N, C-alpha and C. Protein backbone atom coordinates (compact mmCIF):
# COMPACT_ATOMS: atom_id res chain seq x y z
N MET A 1 55.33 -2.66 -15.06
CA MET A 1 56.06 -1.33 -15.20
C MET A 1 54.86 -0.45 -15.50
N ARG A 2 54.75 0.52 -14.83
CA ARG A 2 53.58 1.49 -15.21
C ARG A 2 54.44 2.75 -16.40
N SER A 3 53.40 3.02 -17.08
CA SER A 3 54.12 4.51 -17.80
C SER A 3 52.92 5.65 -18.15
N LEU A 4 53.17 6.67 -18.25
CA LEU A 4 52.19 7.85 -18.56
C LEU A 4 52.83 8.31 -19.83
N ILE A 5 52.22 9.09 -20.51
CA ILE A 5 52.29 9.83 -22.00
C ILE A 5 51.97 11.39 -21.23
N ILE A 6 53.13 12.21 -21.69
CA ILE A 6 52.99 13.44 -21.50
C ILE A 6 53.31 14.39 -22.84
N ASP A 7 52.98 15.53 -22.96
CA ASP A 7 53.28 16.37 -24.15
C ASP A 7 54.24 17.73 -23.19
N ILE A 8 55.44 17.72 -23.77
CA ILE A 8 56.37 18.89 -23.07
C ILE A 8 56.48 19.92 -24.29
N GLN A 9 56.18 21.26 -23.81
CA GLN A 9 56.43 22.44 -24.74
C GLN A 9 57.14 23.39 -23.72
N LEU A 10 58.30 23.46 -23.68
CA LEU A 10 59.28 24.22 -22.77
C LEU A 10 60.43 24.72 -23.63
N PRO A 11 59.93 25.94 -23.84
CA PRO A 11 61.16 26.97 -24.63
C PRO A 11 62.68 26.80 -23.77
N ARG A 12 63.54 26.84 -24.62
CA ARG A 12 64.97 26.54 -23.94
C ARG A 12 65.38 27.62 -22.91
N ASP A 13 64.87 28.87 -22.98
CA ASP A 13 65.17 29.79 -21.91
C ASP A 13 64.66 29.54 -20.77
N GLU A 14 63.28 29.03 -20.78
CA GLU A 14 62.59 28.60 -19.54
C GLU A 14 63.25 27.22 -19.14
N TYR A 15 63.63 26.20 -19.76
CA TYR A 15 64.39 25.09 -19.39
C TYR A 15 65.60 25.29 -18.82
N LEU A 16 66.33 26.72 -19.44
CA LEU A 16 67.78 26.83 -18.71
C LEU A 16 67.68 27.57 -17.21
N ARG A 17 66.11 28.29 -17.38
CA ARG A 17 66.21 28.77 -16.14
C ARG A 17 66.01 28.09 -14.88
N VAL A 18 64.88 26.84 -15.26
CA VAL A 18 64.67 25.89 -14.35
C VAL A 18 65.56 24.93 -13.79
N TYR A 19 66.53 24.67 -15.22
CA TYR A 19 67.95 23.81 -14.53
C TYR A 19 68.69 24.60 -13.89
N GLN A 20 69.23 25.91 -14.17
CA GLN A 20 70.11 26.49 -13.56
C GLN A 20 69.59 27.05 -11.94
N ASP A 21 68.15 27.36 -11.71
CA ASP A 21 67.80 27.46 -10.58
C ASP A 21 67.92 26.17 -9.48
N TYR A 22 68.38 25.14 -9.74
CA TYR A 22 68.55 23.89 -8.96
C TYR A 22 67.09 23.26 -8.72
N ILE A 23 66.60 23.33 -9.55
CA ILE A 23 64.62 22.60 -9.39
C ILE A 23 65.26 21.02 -9.74
N ARG A 24 65.05 20.45 -8.75
CA ARG A 24 65.36 18.91 -9.03
C ARG A 24 64.22 18.36 -9.70
N GLN A 25 62.99 18.63 -9.53
CA GLN A 25 61.94 17.90 -10.48
C GLN A 25 60.95 18.58 -10.95
N VAL A 26 60.37 18.24 -12.27
CA VAL A 26 59.37 18.86 -13.12
C VAL A 26 58.16 18.24 -12.70
N LYS A 27 57.16 19.06 -12.70
CA LYS A 27 55.86 18.75 -12.58
C LYS A 27 54.69 18.51 -13.71
N ALA A 28 54.01 17.87 -14.16
CA ALA A 28 53.74 17.88 -15.32
C ALA A 28 51.94 17.15 -15.30
N VAL A 29 51.30 17.35 -16.30
CA VAL A 29 49.92 16.51 -16.16
C VAL A 29 50.01 15.64 -17.49
N ALA A 30 49.72 14.56 -17.04
CA ALA A 30 49.85 13.12 -18.29
C ALA A 30 48.49 13.31 -19.09
N ARG A 31 48.20 12.67 -19.94
CA ARG A 31 47.18 12.80 -20.99
C ARG A 31 45.95 12.01 -20.16
N SER A 32 46.50 11.54 -19.52
CA SER A 32 45.28 10.62 -18.47
C SER A 32 44.92 11.66 -17.40
N GLY A 33 45.27 12.62 -17.04
CA GLY A 33 45.00 13.70 -16.09
C GLY A 33 45.50 13.54 -14.66
N GLU A 34 46.25 12.62 -14.87
CA GLU A 34 47.22 12.16 -13.53
C GLU A 34 48.39 13.41 -13.40
N SER A 35 48.94 13.90 -12.30
CA SER A 35 49.87 14.61 -11.96
C SER A 35 51.21 13.77 -11.91
N VAL A 36 52.26 14.11 -12.73
CA VAL A 36 53.34 13.47 -12.55
C VAL A 36 54.61 14.28 -12.03
N ARG A 37 55.64 13.79 -10.95
CA ARG A 37 57.06 14.62 -11.03
C ARG A 37 57.81 13.98 -11.42
N PHE A 38 59.09 14.23 -12.42
CA PHE A 38 60.04 13.54 -12.55
C PHE A 38 61.23 14.39 -12.43
N PRO A 39 62.67 13.59 -12.58
CA PRO A 39 63.94 14.95 -12.38
C PRO A 39 64.05 15.46 -13.49
N VAL A 40 64.25 16.78 -13.25
CA VAL A 40 64.68 17.27 -14.54
C VAL A 40 65.48 17.26 -15.17
N SER A 41 66.46 16.44 -14.90
CA SER A 41 67.72 16.30 -15.55
C SER A 41 67.42 14.99 -16.73
N VAL A 42 66.26 14.60 -16.34
CA VAL A 42 66.00 13.48 -17.31
C VAL A 42 65.79 14.33 -18.83
N LEU A 43 65.27 15.67 -18.69
CA LEU A 43 65.16 16.29 -19.93
C LEU A 43 66.24 16.78 -20.75
N GLN A 44 67.75 16.81 -20.09
CA GLN A 44 68.27 17.23 -20.88
C GLN A 44 69.09 16.74 -22.29
N LYS A 45 68.88 15.55 -22.19
CA LYS A 45 69.21 14.91 -23.78
C LYS A 45 68.24 15.10 -25.02
N PHE A 46 67.07 15.99 -24.15
CA PHE A 46 66.19 16.31 -25.40
C PHE A 46 66.49 18.04 -25.32
N VAL A 47 66.70 18.59 -25.04
CA VAL A 47 67.13 20.14 -25.17
C VAL A 47 67.69 20.12 -26.48
N ALA A 48 66.68 20.80 -27.62
CA ALA A 48 67.35 21.31 -28.92
C ALA A 48 67.10 23.01 -28.70
N GLU A 49 67.62 23.67 -29.96
CA GLU A 49 67.73 24.89 -30.03
C GLU A 49 66.71 25.50 -29.72
N ASP A 50 65.54 25.27 -29.75
CA ASP A 50 64.07 25.69 -29.35
C ASP A 50 63.46 25.22 -28.16
N GLY A 51 64.35 24.54 -27.29
CA GLY A 51 63.84 24.02 -25.88
C GLY A 51 63.40 22.21 -26.00
N VAL A 52 62.90 22.12 -25.07
CA VAL A 52 62.27 20.56 -25.33
C VAL A 52 60.57 20.71 -25.58
N ARG A 53 60.65 20.09 -26.62
CA ARG A 53 59.17 20.01 -27.22
C ARG A 53 58.89 18.65 -27.77
N GLY A 54 57.96 17.92 -27.52
CA GLY A 54 57.32 16.75 -27.91
C GLY A 54 56.52 16.09 -26.99
N THR A 55 56.26 14.43 -27.48
CA THR A 55 55.45 13.87 -26.51
C THR A 55 56.46 12.73 -25.98
N PHE A 56 56.17 12.54 -24.85
CA PHE A 56 57.13 11.69 -24.13
C PHE A 56 56.21 10.21 -23.36
N GLU A 57 56.89 9.25 -23.21
CA GLU A 57 56.21 8.28 -22.31
C GLU A 57 57.48 8.16 -21.29
N LEU A 58 57.04 8.23 -19.88
CA LEU A 58 57.86 8.00 -18.66
C LEU A 58 57.28 6.79 -18.25
N PHE A 59 58.55 6.19 -17.70
CA PHE A 59 57.95 4.77 -17.14
C PHE A 59 58.47 4.97 -15.60
N PHE A 60 57.65 4.09 -14.61
CA PHE A 60 57.99 3.85 -13.44
C PHE A 60 58.17 2.76 -12.82
N ASP A 61 58.81 2.36 -11.81
CA ASP A 61 58.83 1.12 -11.35
C ASP A 61 57.59 0.76 -10.35
N ASN A 62 57.44 -0.36 -9.77
CA ASN A 62 56.22 -0.95 -8.85
C ASN A 62 55.89 -0.03 -7.93
N ASP A 63 57.08 0.85 -7.26
CA ASP A 63 57.12 1.98 -6.17
C ASP A 63 57.02 3.19 -6.66
N ASN A 64 56.53 3.43 -7.83
CA ASN A 64 56.19 4.80 -8.68
C ASN A 64 57.46 5.71 -8.44
N LYS A 65 58.76 4.81 -8.77
CA LYS A 65 59.95 5.90 -9.20
C LYS A 65 60.40 5.52 -10.42
N PHE A 66 60.73 6.90 -10.79
CA PHE A 66 61.39 7.24 -12.10
C PHE A 66 62.15 6.14 -12.56
N VAL A 67 61.93 5.28 -14.01
CA VAL A 67 62.80 4.54 -14.83
C VAL A 67 63.68 5.06 -15.73
N GLU A 68 62.67 5.65 -16.71
CA GLU A 68 63.26 6.03 -17.91
C GLU A 68 62.27 6.81 -18.77
N ILE A 69 62.44 7.70 -19.46
CA ILE A 69 61.74 8.68 -20.58
C ILE A 69 62.22 8.38 -21.85
N VAL A 70 61.03 8.23 -22.58
CA VAL A 70 61.16 8.14 -24.25
C VAL A 70 60.68 9.04 -24.73
N ARG A 71 61.13 9.70 -25.69
CA ARG A 71 60.44 10.44 -26.79
C ARG A 71 59.38 9.34 -27.56
N ILE A 72 58.40 9.80 -27.93
CA ILE A 72 57.45 8.88 -28.78
C ILE A 72 57.07 10.12 -30.02
């Protein structure tokens, strides 16, 4: 299984705007420099009063499909 590390600094109002606009995927740049897309819905469990902030590890299967996200 492949993984990438990303840092997210997404203020709450921006996250809500993205989520309410029915955008289905988030595009980010991993620490390795690779671009990655993943479902915006996976961030929902990490939304706090100030938004989504932190370092996360994204896991993908052998077909590069999203499997899991973990805060590290």
